[in-house]
N, C-alpha and C. Protein backbone atom coordinates (compact mmCIF):
# COMPACT_ATOMS: atom_id res chain seq x y z
N UNK A 1 -4.66 -1.08 -2.70
CA UNK A 1 -6.09 -0.80 -2.51
C UNK A 1 -6.48 0.62 -2.37
N UNK A 2 -7.37 1.08 -2.80
CA UNK A 2 -7.90 2.53 -2.60
C UNK A 2 -8.15 2.75 -1.15
N UNK A 3 -8.04 4.10 -0.94
CA UNK A 3 -8.26 4.56 0.42
C UNK A 3 -9.34 5.73 0.38
N UNK A 4 -10.10 5.91 1.36
CA UNK A 4 -10.97 6.99 1.35
C UNK A 4 -10.16 8.39 1.36
N UNK A 5 -10.57 9.14 0.47
CA UNK A 5 -9.84 10.44 0.29
C UNK A 5 -8.84 10.52 -0.90
N UNK A 6 -8.49 9.20 -1.44
CA UNK A 6 -7.79 9.17 -2.65
C UNK A 6 -8.60 10.00 -3.74
N UNK A 7 -7.78 10.85 -4.59
CA UNK A 7 -8.36 11.55 -5.61
C UNK A 7 -7.37 11.82 -6.68
N UNK A 8 -7.89 12.25 -7.85
CA UNK A 8 -7.07 12.54 -9.09
C UNK A 8 -7.82 13.55 -9.94
N UNK A 9 -6.89 14.35 -10.66
CA UNK A 9 -7.42 15.29 -11.51
C UNK A 9 -7.06 14.78 -12.98
N UNK A 10 -8.15 14.58 -13.85
CA UNK A 10 -7.96 14.18 -15.13
C UNK A 10 -8.26 15.35 -16.21
N UNK A 11 -7.94 15.04 -17.40
CA UNK A 11 -8.26 16.13 -18.35
C UNK A 11 -9.71 16.48 -18.50
N UNK A 12 -10.71 15.49 -18.16
CA UNK A 12 -12.13 15.67 -18.20
C UNK A 12 -12.78 16.30 -16.94
N UNK A 13 -11.88 16.32 -15.74
CA UNK A 13 -12.48 16.64 -14.50
C UNK A 13 -11.63 15.98 -13.43
N UNK A 14 -12.41 15.49 -12.39
CA UNK A 14 -11.72 14.88 -11.32
C UNK A 14 -12.61 13.75 -10.71
N UNK A 15 -11.99 13.06 -9.79
CA UNK A 15 -12.62 11.95 -8.97
C UNK A 15 -12.04 11.94 -7.55
N UNK A 16 -12.92 11.41 -6.74
CA UNK A 16 -12.46 11.27 -5.28
C UNK A 16 -13.09 10.02 -4.63
N UNK A 17 -12.38 9.21 -3.98
CA UNK A 17 -12.80 7.99 -3.37
C UNK A 17 -13.52 8.40 -1.96
N UNK A 18 -14.88 8.08 -1.86
CA UNK A 18 -15.55 8.45 -0.63
C UNK A 18 -15.88 7.34 0.31
N UNK A 19 -15.71 5.99 -0.17
CA UNK A 19 -16.14 4.95 0.62
C UNK A 19 -15.42 3.67 0.12
N UNK A 20 -14.99 2.65 0.90
CA UNK A 20 -14.30 1.50 0.30
C UNK A 20 -14.67 0.40 1.23
N UNK A 21 -14.95 -0.88 0.64
CA UNK A 21 -15.20 -2.04 1.37
C UNK A 21 -14.61 -3.18 0.66
N UNK A 22 -14.90 -4.55 1.11
CA UNK A 22 -14.38 -5.70 0.50
C UNK A 22 -15.19 -5.86 -0.83
N UNK A 23 -14.49 -5.73 -2.01
CA UNK A 23 -15.11 -5.91 -3.28
C UNK A 23 -15.90 -4.74 -3.79
N UNK A 24 -15.92 -3.58 -3.18
CA UNK A 24 -16.61 -2.48 -3.73
C UNK A 24 -15.98 -1.07 -3.21
N UNK A 25 -16.12 -0.08 -4.01
CA UNK A 25 -15.72 1.36 -3.60
C UNK A 25 -16.72 2.24 -4.33
N UNK A 26 -16.72 3.48 -3.64
CA UNK A 26 -17.58 4.54 -4.21
C UNK A 26 -16.71 5.79 -4.36
N UNK A 27 -16.88 6.25 -5.60
CA UNK A 27 -16.20 7.53 -6.02
C UNK A 27 -17.18 8.59 -6.52
N UNK A 28 -16.86 9.88 -6.32
CA UNK A 28 -17.59 11.01 -6.76
C UNK A 28 -16.78 11.44 -7.94
N UNK A 29 -17.47 11.59 -9.36
CA UNK A 29 -16.84 12.01 -10.37
C UNK A 29 -17.34 13.46 -10.72
N UNK A 30 -16.53 14.39 -11.07
CA UNK A 30 -16.93 15.70 -11.40
C UNK A 30 -16.37 15.76 -12.88
N UNK A 31 -17.26 16.03 -13.88
CA UNK A 31 -17.04 16.08 -15.28
C UNK A 31 -17.23 17.48 -15.73
N UNK A 32 -16.22 18.13 -16.22
CA UNK A 32 -16.16 19.48 -16.64
C UNK A 32 -17.17 19.66 -17.79
N UNK A 33 -17.75 20.98 -17.89
CA UNK A 33 -18.66 21.20 -19.13
C UNK A 33 -18.03 20.83 -20.38
N UNK A 34 -18.79 20.26 -21.25
CA UNK A 34 -18.30 19.92 -22.65
C UNK A 34 -17.18 18.99 -22.60
N UNK A 35 -17.07 18.04 -21.62
CA UNK A 35 -15.89 17.10 -21.55
C UNK A 35 -16.58 15.81 -21.49
N UNK A 36 -15.76 14.66 -21.82
CA UNK A 36 -16.12 13.39 -21.76
C UNK A 36 -14.97 12.52 -21.37
N UNK A 37 -15.19 11.41 -20.83
CA UNK A 37 -14.24 10.45 -20.51
C UNK A 37 -13.92 9.41 -21.71
N UNK A 38 -12.89 8.71 -21.52
CA UNK A 38 -12.54 7.84 -22.70
C UNK A 38 -13.73 6.67 -22.86
N UNK A 39 -13.78 6.24 -24.07
CA UNK A 39 -14.57 4.93 -24.28
C UNK A 39 -13.64 3.88 -23.72
N UNK A 40 -14.25 3.22 -22.66
CA UNK A 40 -13.32 2.27 -21.89
C UNK A 40 -13.95 1.00 -21.37
N UNK A 41 -13.40 0.12 -21.08
CA UNK A 41 -13.92 -1.20 -20.35
C UNK A 41 -13.10 -1.51 -19.25
N UNK A 42 -13.69 -2.60 -18.47
CA UNK A 42 -12.88 -3.01 -17.36
C UNK A 42 -12.99 -4.66 -17.43
N UNK A 43 -11.78 -5.27 -17.20
CA UNK A 43 -11.84 -6.79 -17.13
C UNK A 43 -12.36 -7.25 -15.80
N UNK A 44 -12.16 -6.50 -14.78
CA UNK A 44 -12.34 -6.99 -13.36
C UNK A 44 -13.41 -6.40 -12.61
N UNK A 45 -14.08 -5.47 -13.16
CA UNK A 45 -15.25 -4.69 -12.24
C UNK A 45 -16.36 -4.30 -13.17
N UNK A 46 -17.53 -4.23 -12.42
CA UNK A 46 -18.74 -3.55 -13.02
C UNK A 46 -18.89 -2.33 -12.18
N UNK A 47 -19.74 -1.33 -12.73
CA UNK A 47 -20.03 -0.12 -12.26
C UNK A 47 -21.43 0.15 -12.18
N UNK A 48 -21.94 1.18 -11.44
CA UNK A 48 -23.18 1.65 -11.34
C UNK A 48 -23.02 3.14 -11.09
N UNK A 49 -23.63 3.93 -12.13
CA UNK A 49 -23.48 5.36 -12.15
C UNK A 49 -24.93 6.08 -11.72
N UNK A 50 -24.94 6.90 -10.70
CA UNK A 50 -25.97 7.74 -10.49
C UNK A 50 -25.69 9.28 -10.75
N UNK A 51 -26.62 9.90 -11.40
CA UNK A 51 -26.51 11.42 -11.57
C UNK A 51 -26.79 12.10 -10.38
N UNK A 52 -25.99 12.91 -9.80
CA UNK A 52 -26.22 13.68 -8.66
C UNK A 52 -26.36 15.13 -9.02
N UNK A 53 -25.77 15.65 -10.11
CA UNK A 53 -25.91 16.94 -10.53
C UNK A 53 -25.60 17.02 -11.95
N UNK A 54 -26.36 17.78 -12.57
CA UNK A 54 -26.34 17.95 -14.14
C UNK A 54 -27.00 17.00 -14.88
N UNK A 55 -26.65 16.83 -16.21
CA UNK A 55 -27.25 15.89 -17.12
C UNK A 55 -26.16 15.10 -17.84
N UNK A 56 -26.38 13.78 -17.96
CA UNK A 56 -25.35 12.96 -18.49
C UNK A 56 -25.66 12.30 -19.71
N UNK A 57 -24.75 12.11 -20.65
CA UNK A 57 -25.00 11.31 -21.90
C UNK A 57 -24.03 10.11 -21.52
N UNK A 58 -24.58 8.91 -21.55
CA UNK A 58 -23.86 7.65 -21.18
C UNK A 58 -24.01 6.73 -22.42
N UNK A 59 -22.96 6.17 -22.74
CA UNK A 59 -22.75 5.14 -23.75
C UNK A 59 -22.46 3.85 -23.13
N UNK A 60 -23.29 2.82 -23.34
CA UNK A 60 -22.98 1.50 -22.81
C UNK A 60 -23.08 0.54 -24.10
N UNK A 61 -22.02 0.02 -24.47
CA UNK A 61 -21.90 -0.77 -25.80
C UNK A 61 -22.54 -0.12 -26.96
N UNK A 62 -23.71 -0.53 -27.38
CA UNK A 62 -24.40 0.04 -28.57
C UNK A 62 -25.44 1.02 -28.17
N UNK A 63 -25.72 1.27 -26.96
CA UNK A 63 -26.76 2.06 -26.45
C UNK A 63 -26.26 3.48 -26.06
N UNK A 64 -27.04 4.45 -26.34
CA UNK A 64 -26.72 5.99 -25.69
C UNK A 64 -28.02 6.29 -24.93
N UNK A 65 -27.72 6.70 -23.68
CA UNK A 65 -28.82 7.13 -22.73
C UNK A 65 -28.50 8.49 -22.29
N UNK A 66 -29.62 9.25 -22.02
CA UNK A 66 -29.47 10.50 -21.55
C UNK A 66 -30.10 10.44 -19.97
N UNK A 67 -29.30 10.74 -18.97
CA UNK A 67 -29.68 10.60 -17.65
C UNK A 67 -29.66 11.95 -16.97
N UNK A 68 -30.77 12.18 -16.14
CA UNK A 68 -30.84 13.30 -15.33
C UNK A 68 -30.68 13.03 -13.84
N UNK A 69 -30.67 14.01 -13.03
CA UNK A 69 -30.43 13.80 -11.63
C UNK A 69 -31.41 12.89 -11.03
N UNK A 70 -30.87 11.85 -10.14
CA UNK A 70 -31.46 10.67 -9.50
C UNK A 70 -31.47 9.51 -10.43
N UNK A 71 -31.27 9.68 -11.80
CA UNK A 71 -31.32 8.45 -12.79
C UNK A 71 -29.96 7.77 -12.71
N UNK A 72 -30.03 6.46 -13.03
CA UNK A 72 -28.72 5.67 -12.98
C UNK A 72 -28.72 4.64 -14.01
N UNK A 73 -27.40 4.02 -14.19
CA UNK A 73 -27.30 3.05 -15.12
C UNK A 73 -26.14 2.03 -14.63
N UNK A 74 -26.49 0.79 -14.87
CA UNK A 74 -25.48 -0.34 -14.67
C UNK A 74 -24.57 -0.47 -15.76
N UNK A 75 -23.35 -0.61 -15.45
CA UNK A 75 -22.23 -0.86 -16.55
C UNK A 75 -21.64 -2.23 -16.20
N UNK A 76 -22.11 -3.25 -16.98
CA UNK A 76 -21.69 -4.70 -16.67
C UNK A 76 -20.08 -4.79 -16.95
N UNK A 77 -19.38 -5.71 -16.27
CA UNK A 77 -18.05 -6.03 -16.44
C UNK A 77 -17.76 -6.34 -17.87
N UNK A 78 -16.79 -5.71 -18.55
CA UNK A 78 -16.40 -5.88 -19.70
C UNK A 78 -17.18 -5.06 -20.81
N UNK A 79 -18.25 -4.29 -20.45
CA UNK A 79 -18.98 -3.42 -21.46
C UNK A 79 -18.18 -2.30 -21.75
N UNK A 80 -18.13 -1.73 -23.02
CA UNK A 80 -17.49 -0.56 -23.49
C UNK A 80 -18.41 0.59 -22.96
N UNK A 81 -17.89 1.53 -22.40
CA UNK A 81 -18.67 2.65 -21.88
C UNK A 81 -17.99 4.03 -21.79
N UNK A 82 -18.82 5.03 -21.78
CA UNK A 82 -18.38 6.38 -21.81
C UNK A 82 -19.34 7.37 -21.15
N UNK A 83 -18.85 8.41 -20.36
CA UNK A 83 -19.63 9.38 -19.77
C UNK A 83 -19.26 10.75 -20.32
N UNK A 84 -20.35 11.47 -20.82
CA UNK A 84 -20.29 12.74 -21.49
C UNK A 84 -21.03 13.77 -20.83
N UNK A 85 -20.49 14.94 -20.83
CA UNK A 85 -21.20 16.16 -20.22
C UNK A 85 -21.28 17.25 -21.46
N UNK A 86 -22.38 17.27 -21.96
CA UNK A 86 -22.64 18.19 -23.18
C UNK A 86 -23.10 19.62 -22.75
N UNK A 87 -23.28 19.77 -21.42
CA UNK A 87 -23.77 21.09 -20.92
C UNK A 87 -22.73 22.12 -20.65
N UNK A 88 -23.23 23.34 -20.26
CA UNK A 88 -22.27 24.36 -19.89
C UNK A 88 -22.01 24.35 -18.30
N UNK A 89 -22.69 23.31 -17.64
CA UNK A 89 -22.48 23.28 -16.16
C UNK A 89 -21.75 21.95 -15.82
N UNK A 90 -21.24 21.93 -14.58
CA UNK A 90 -20.46 20.54 -14.28
C UNK A 90 -21.57 19.54 -14.01
N UNK A 91 -20.96 18.31 -14.32
CA UNK A 91 -21.74 17.10 -14.04
C UNK A 91 -21.10 16.26 -12.97
N UNK A 92 -21.92 15.73 -11.99
CA UNK A 92 -21.50 15.04 -10.92
C UNK A 92 -22.15 13.69 -10.97
N UNK A 93 -21.36 12.66 -10.73
CA UNK A 93 -21.86 11.24 -10.82
C UNK A 93 -21.28 10.52 -9.61
N UNK A 94 -22.16 9.66 -8.92
CA UNK A 94 -21.68 8.81 -7.90
C UNK A 94 -21.48 7.54 -8.44
N UNK A 95 -20.26 6.89 -8.45
CA UNK A 95 -19.89 5.75 -9.17
C UNK A 95 -19.62 4.64 -8.02
N UNK A 96 -20.36 3.58 -8.18
CA UNK A 96 -20.06 2.37 -7.26
C UNK A 96 -19.35 1.44 -8.09
N UNK A 97 -18.22 0.94 -7.61
CA UNK A 97 -17.60 -0.10 -8.36
C UNK A 97 -17.61 -1.41 -7.62
N UNK A 98 -17.86 -2.57 -8.39
CA UNK A 98 -17.93 -3.85 -7.85
C UNK A 98 -17.09 -4.70 -8.38
N UNK A 99 -16.12 -5.53 -7.69
CA UNK A 99 -15.29 -6.47 -8.31
C UNK A 99 -14.09 -6.85 -7.57
N UNK A 100 -13.25 -7.76 -8.10
CA UNK A 100 -12.19 -8.32 -7.37
C UNK A 100 -10.85 -7.31 -7.60
N UNK A 101 -10.82 -6.49 -8.46
CA UNK A 101 -9.81 -5.61 -8.82
C UNK A 101 -10.38 -4.22 -9.10
N UNK A 102 -10.15 -3.24 -8.11
CA UNK A 102 -10.71 -1.98 -8.12
C UNK A 102 -9.64 -0.95 -8.38
N UNK A 103 -8.69 -1.11 -9.28
CA UNK A 103 -7.56 -0.21 -9.40
C UNK A 103 -7.69 0.55 -10.82
N UNK A 104 -7.11 1.65 -10.75
CA UNK A 104 -7.15 2.41 -12.05
C UNK A 104 -6.48 1.75 -13.24
N UNK A 105 -5.57 0.79 -12.88
CA UNK A 105 -4.82 0.00 -14.05
C UNK A 105 -5.83 -0.98 -14.67
N UNK A 106 -7.01 -1.15 -14.20
CA UNK A 106 -8.05 -1.92 -14.79
C UNK A 106 -8.90 -1.04 -15.89
N UNK A 107 -8.37 -0.10 -16.44
CA UNK A 107 -9.03 0.73 -17.44
C UNK A 107 -8.33 0.37 -18.89
N UNK A 108 -9.16 -0.16 -19.80
CA UNK A 108 -8.77 -0.43 -21.11
C UNK A 108 -9.36 0.69 -21.94
N UNK A 109 -8.75 1.61 -22.56
CA UNK A 109 -9.19 2.76 -23.29
C UNK A 109 -9.25 2.40 -24.85
N UNK A 110 -10.34 2.51 -25.33
CA UNK A 110 -10.74 2.11 -26.82
C UNK A 110 -10.65 3.35 -27.72
N UNK A 111 -11.00 4.51 -27.19
CA UNK A 111 -11.01 5.88 -27.79
C UNK A 111 -10.80 6.90 -26.68
N UNK A 112 -10.03 7.94 -26.90
CA UNK A 112 -9.71 8.84 -25.98
C UNK A 112 -9.40 10.22 -26.64
N UNK A 113 -10.18 11.27 -26.15
CA UNK A 113 -9.94 12.59 -26.61
C UNK A 113 -8.62 13.35 -26.25
N UNK A 114 -7.90 12.75 -25.35
CA UNK A 114 -6.83 13.22 -24.64
C UNK A 114 -5.41 12.50 -25.07
N UNK A 115 -5.48 11.47 -26.05
CA UNK A 115 -4.42 10.84 -26.39
C UNK A 115 -3.86 9.67 -25.51
N UNK A 116 -4.77 9.17 -24.68
CA UNK A 116 -4.22 8.25 -23.64
C UNK A 116 -4.51 6.81 -24.08
N UNK A 117 -4.85 6.51 -25.31
CA UNK A 117 -5.19 5.01 -25.70
C UNK A 117 -3.91 4.28 -26.02
């Protein structure tokens, strides 16, 4: 189970766990300029993303959205999704995860710029 303060550096940026409860956790994602996460899905969790700094391009299944500060999107359990930062400045997202398995092992990568599929 995740703990507050858990963090990791990824090729696209980094994340840190800031709150944890029964069936939910909150992470802060920092996405580097001109970087994007893998196109992924999760079997055991849904996510809710809120843009707290920058501008985000979000793909959820067959929809592409442009989100600005204070805007958000729900990512249903099982949906293919991706987060992209097309700007020259860092992007920050608050991610709330809901589900019975909130582990990094619940990432199914469908496409990845960094060879992790």
